[in-house]
Amino acid sequence: MKRNGILNSEISKRLSDLGHTDLIAIGDCGLPIDPSKKIDLALKLGEPKFIDVLEVLLEDFGCEAYILAEEIKENNPSQEKAIKELLGDISADYISHEDFKKKLDDVKFVIRTGENTPYSNIILKAKNIF
């Protein structure tokens, strides 16, 4: 049995398959997701929390940039602040929520959380770890 890192076998495997510049996403429970790309962790409204999933994911994932919906600034500033605290100086881009949903076509997979606060979605760009 695995001792460290992400225990979810699907997430662990898919992270291992990523290369430099590949995109992945974490979404709230309302984000429309292509079923073939969805890894569903949602248990009930609010669980697991988006920020908790992001924090654990970042322990196993090298991130060089990320994308948020512009609307998070006005509609969920506390979530934006929490994201920035976890990601520090990593480059951030903001796009409209509609463009964000279109950008999901480019991601390798999306982790669906139970988060039920607005615009709690992120696209992460894999960095070269060596």
C-alpha atoms as a PDB file:
ATOM      1  CA  MET A   1       0.000   0.000   0.000  1.00  0.00           C
ATOM      2  CA  LYS A   2       1.255   3.488  -0.873  1.00  0.00           C
ATOM      3  CA  ARG A   3       2.572   5.447   2.128  1.00  0.00           C
ATOM      4  CA  ASN A   4       2.941   8.979   0.785  1.00  0.00           C
ATOM      5  CA  GLY A   5       1.334  11.310  -1.691  1.00  0.00           C
ATOM      6  CA  ILE A   6      -2.058  11.052  -3.295  1.00  0.00           C
ATOM      7  CA  LEU A   7      -3.852   7.802  -2.506  1.00  0.00           C
ATOM      8  CA  ASN A   8      -6.520   8.164  -5.193  1.00  0.00           C
ATOM      9  CA  SER A   9      -5.235   5.720  -7.799  1.00  0.00           C
ATOM     10  CA  GLU A  10      -6.734   7.512 -10.806  1.00  0.00           C
ATOM     11  CA  ILE A  11      -5.268  10.897  -9.857  1.00  0.00           C
ATOM     12  CA  SER A  12      -1.898   9.360  -8.999  1.00  0.00           C
ATOM     13  CA  LYS A  13      -1.705   7.527 -12.333  1.00  0.00           C
ATOM     14  CA  ARG A  14      -2.771  10.512 -14.396  1.00  0.00           C
ATOM     15  CA  LEU A  15      -0.270  12.808 -12.658  1.00  0.00           C
ATOM     16  CA  SER A  16       2.463  10.315 -13.524  1.00  0.00           C
ATOM     17  CA  ASP A  17       1.458  10.476 -17.196  1.00  0.00           C
ATOM     18  CA  LEU A  18       1.841  14.278 -17.458  1.00  0.00           C
ATOM     19  CA  GLY A  19       4.594  16.109 -19.279  1.00  0.00           C
ATOM     20  CA  HIS A  20       5.851  19.684 -19.260  1.00  0.00           C
ATOM     21  CA  THR A  21       3.123  22.233 -20.172  1.00  0.00           C
ATOM     22  CA  ASP A  22       0.258  19.725 -19.901  1.00  0.00           C
ATOM     23  CA  LEU A  23      -2.876  21.224 -18.331  1.00  0.00           C
ATOM     24  CA  ILE A  24      -5.098  19.821 -15.604  1.00  0.00           C
ATOM     25  CA  ALA A  25      -8.024  21.341 -13.728  1.00  0.00           C
ATOM     26  CA  ILE A  26      -9.773  21.246 -10.388  1.00  0.00           C
ATOM     27  CA  GLY A  27     -13.402  22.285 -10.390  1.00  0.00           C
ATOM     28  CA  ASP A  28     -16.332  22.970  -8.124  1.00  0.00           C
ATOM     29  CA  CYS A  29     -19.352  20.694  -8.215  1.00  0.00           C
ATOM     30  CA  GLY A  30     -21.129  22.814 -10.835  1.00  0.00           C
ATOM     31  CA  LEU A  31     -18.385  22.993 -13.467  1.00  0.00           C
ATOM     32  CA  PRO A  32     -19.442  21.265 -16.698  1.00  0.00           C
ATOM     33  CA  ILE A  33     -16.909  18.483 -17.308  1.00  0.00           C
ATOM     34  CA  ASP A  34     -16.470  16.062 -20.189  1.00  0.00           C
ATOM     35  CA  PRO A  35     -17.223  12.666 -18.585  1.00  0.00           C
ATOM     36  CA  SER A  36     -14.147  11.112 -20.222  1.00  0.00           C
ATOM     37  CA  LYS A  37     -11.923  13.640 -18.401  1.00  0.00           C
ATOM     38  CA  LYS A  38     -13.687  13.689 -15.023  1.00  0.00           C
ATOM     39  CA  ILE A  39     -12.242  12.290 -11.805  1.00  0.00           C
ATOM     40  CA  ASP A  40     -15.120  12.765  -9.389  1.00  0.00           C
ATOM     41  CA  LEU A  41     -14.276  13.267  -5.710  1.00  0.00           C
ATOM     42  CA  ALA A  42     -17.540  15.014  -4.777  1.00  0.00           C
ATOM     43  CA  LEU A  43     -19.210  13.441  -1.731  1.00  0.00           C
ATOM     44  CA  LYS A  44     -21.796  16.064  -0.820  1.00  0.00           C
ATOM     45  CA  LEU A  45     -22.204  19.817  -1.200  1.00  0.00           C
ATOM     46  CA  GLY A  46     -19.041  21.400   0.141  1.00  0.00           C
ATOM     47  CA  GLU A  47     -17.032  18.172   0.497  1.00  0.00           C
ATOM     48  CA  PRO A  48     -14.277  17.830  -0.316  1.00  0.00           C
ATOM     49  CA  LYS A  49     -13.402  21.502  -0.424  1.00  0.00           C
ATOM     50  CA  PHE A  50     -11.708  22.866  -3.525  1.00  0.00           C
ATOM     51  CA  ILE A  51      -8.817  24.407  -1.570  1.00  0.00           C
ATOM     52  CA  ASP A  52      -8.122  21.152   0.314  1.00  0.00           C
ATOM     53  CA  VAL A  53      -7.889  19.221  -2.955  1.00  0.00           C
ATOM     54  CA  LEU A  54      -5.639  21.902  -4.473  1.00  0.00           C
ATOM     55  CA  GLU A  55      -3.341  21.818  -1.445  1.00  0.00           C
ATOM     56  CA  VAL A  56      -2.904  18.039  -1.574  1.00  0.00           C
ATOM     57  CA  LEU A  57      -2.482  18.045  -5.352  1.00  0.00           C
ATOM     58  CA  LEU A  58       0.310  20.626  -5.160  1.00  0.00           C
ATOM     59  CA  GLU A  59       2.298  18.269  -2.917  1.00  0.00           C
ATOM     60  CA  ASP A  60       2.611  15.904  -5.924  1.00  0.00           C
ATOM     61  CA  PHE A  61       2.337  18.295  -8.883  1.00  0.00           C
ATOM     62  CA  GLY A  62       4.869  20.816 -10.176  1.00  0.00           C
ATOM     63  CA  CYS A  63       2.982  23.897 -11.360  1.00  0.00           C
ATOM     64  CA  GLU A  64       4.472  26.708 -13.460  1.00  0.00           C
ATOM     65  CA  ALA A  65       1.321  28.740 -14.156  1.00  0.00           C
ATOM     66  CA  TYR A  66      -2.406  28.738 -13.532  1.00  0.00           C
ATOM     67  CA  ILE A  67      -5.643  30.161 -14.900  1.00  0.00           C
ATOM     68  CA  LEU A  68      -8.651  31.441 -12.972  1.00  0.00           C
ATOM     69  CA  ALA A  69     -11.951  32.933 -14.086  1.00  0.00           C
ATOM     70  CA  GLU A  70     -11.894  36.723 -13.923  1.00  0.00           C
ATOM     71  CA  GLU A  71     -15.200  36.568 -12.033  1.00  0.00           C
ATOM     72  CA  ILE A  72     -13.543  35.046  -8.960  1.00  0.00           C
ATOM     73  CA  LYS A  73     -12.105  38.466  -8.068  1.00  0.00           C
ATOM     74  CA  GLU A  74     -15.538  39.963  -7.413  1.00  0.00           C
ATOM     75  CA  ASN A  75     -17.617  36.878  -6.573  1.00  0.00           C
ATOM     76  CA  ASN A  76     -15.253  34.812  -4.410  1.00  0.00           C
ATOM     77  CA  PRO A  77     -12.276  36.929  -3.256  1.00  0.00           C
ATOM     78  CA  SER A  78     -11.600  34.732  -0.219  1.00  0.00           C
ATOM     79  CA  GLN A  79     -11.103  31.700  -2.469  1.00  0.00           C
ATOM     80  CA  GLU A  80      -8.845  33.724  -4.768  1.00  0.00           C
ATOM     81  CA  LYS A  81      -6.767  34.763  -1.739  1.00  0.00           C
ATOM     82  CA  ALA A  82      -6.458  31.156  -0.547  1.00  0.00           C
ATOM     83  CA  ILE A  83      -5.354  30.060  -4.028  1.00  0.00           C
ATOM     84  CA  LYS A  84      -2.717  32.793  -4.180  1.00  0.00           C
ATOM     85  CA  GLU A  85      -1.423  31.807  -0.733  1.00  0.00           C
ATOM     86  CA  LEU A  86      -0.901  28.218  -1.904  1.00  0.00           C
ATOM     87  CA  LEU A  87       0.609  29.093  -5.281  1.00  0.00           C
ATOM     88  CA  GLY A  88       2.759  32.044  -4.198  1.00  0.00           C
ATOM     89  CA  ASP A  89       4.674  33.731  -7.011  1.00  0.00           C
ATOM     90  CA  ILE A  90       3.516  31.345  -9.732  1.00  0.00           C
ATOM     91  CA  SER A  91       2.243  33.158 -12.828  1.00  0.00           C
ATOM     92  CA  ALA A  92      -1.543  33.633 -12.926  1.00  0.00           C
ATOM     93  CA  ASP A  93      -3.805  34.461 -15.859  1.00  0.00           C
ATOM     94  CA  TYR A  94      -7.433  35.528 -15.615  1.00  0.00           C
ATOM     95  CA  ILE A  95      -9.950  34.844 -18.366  1.00  0.00           C
ATOM     96  CA  SER A  96     -13.739  35.039 -18.524  1.00  0.00           C
ATOM     97  CA  HIS A  97     -15.632  32.097 -17.063  1.00  0.00           C
ATOM     98  CA  GLU A  98     -16.993  31.320 -20.524  1.00  0.00           C
ATOM     99  CA  ASP A  99     -13.444  31.170 -21.927  1.00  0.00           C
ATOM    100  CA  PHE A 100     -12.395  29.106 -18.902  1.00  0.00           C
ATOM    101  CA  LYS A 101     -15.024  26.492 -19.752  1.00  0.00           C
ATOM    102  CA  LYS A 102     -13.797  26.410 -23.371  1.00  0.00           C
ATOM    103  CA  LYS A 103     -10.201  26.008 -22.162  1.00  0.00           C
ATOM    104  CA  LEU A 104     -11.240  22.772 -20.436  1.00  0.00           C
ATOM    105  CA  ASP A 105     -11.072  21.185 -23.895  1.00  0.00           C
ATOM    106  CA  ASP A 106      -7.267  21.443 -23.578  1.00  0.00           C
ATOM    107  CA  VAL A 107      -6.864  19.796 -20.169  1.00  0.00           C
ATOM    108  CA  LYS A 108      -5.840  16.170 -19.672  1.00  0.00           C
ATOM    109  CA  PHE A 109      -8.257  15.674 -16.777  1.00  0.00           C
ATOM    110  CA  VAL A 110     -10.492  17.544 -14.322  1.00  0.00           C
ATOM    111  CA  ILE A 111     -10.843  16.736 -10.639  1.00  0.00           C
ATOM    112  CA  ARG A 112     -14.406  17.483  -9.520  1.00  0.00           C
ATOM    113  CA  THR A 113     -14.751  18.511  -5.882  1.00  0.00           C
ATOM    114  CA  GLY A 114     -17.849  19.066  -3.787  1.00  0.00           C
ATOM    115  CA  GLU A 115     -17.067  22.794  -3.546  1.00  0.00           C
ATOM    116  CA  ASN A 116     -20.206  24.925  -3.737  1.00  0.00           C
ATOM    117  CA  THR A 117     -18.827  28.465  -3.834  1.00  0.00           C
ATOM    118  CA  PRO A 118     -18.754  30.471  -7.078  1.00  0.00           C
ATOM    119  CA  TYR A 119     -15.844  30.252  -9.524  1.00  0.00           C
ATOM    120  CA  SER A 120     -13.851  27.779  -7.429  1.00  0.00           C
ATOM    121  CA  ASN A 121     -12.113  26.384 -10.494  1.00  0.00           C
ATOM    122  CA  ILE A 122      -8.495  26.393 -11.627  1.00  0.00           C
ATOM    123  CA  ILE A 123      -6.448  25.204 -14.571  1.00  0.00           C
ATOM    124  CA  LEU A 124      -2.873  24.276 -13.689  1.00  0.00           C
ATOM    125  CA  LYS A 125       0.065  24.079 -16.112  1.00  0.00           C
ATOM    126  CA  ALA A 126       2.671  21.397 -15.423  1.00  0.00           C
ATOM    127  CA  LYS A 127       6.255  22.540 -15.060  1.00  0.00           C
ATOM    128  CA  ASN A 128       9.423  20.708 -15.872  1.00  0.00           C
ATOM    129  CA  ILE A 129      10.599  19.392 -12.506  1.00  0.00           C
ATOM    130  CA  PHE A 130      14.268  18.954 -13.437  1.00  0.00           C
END
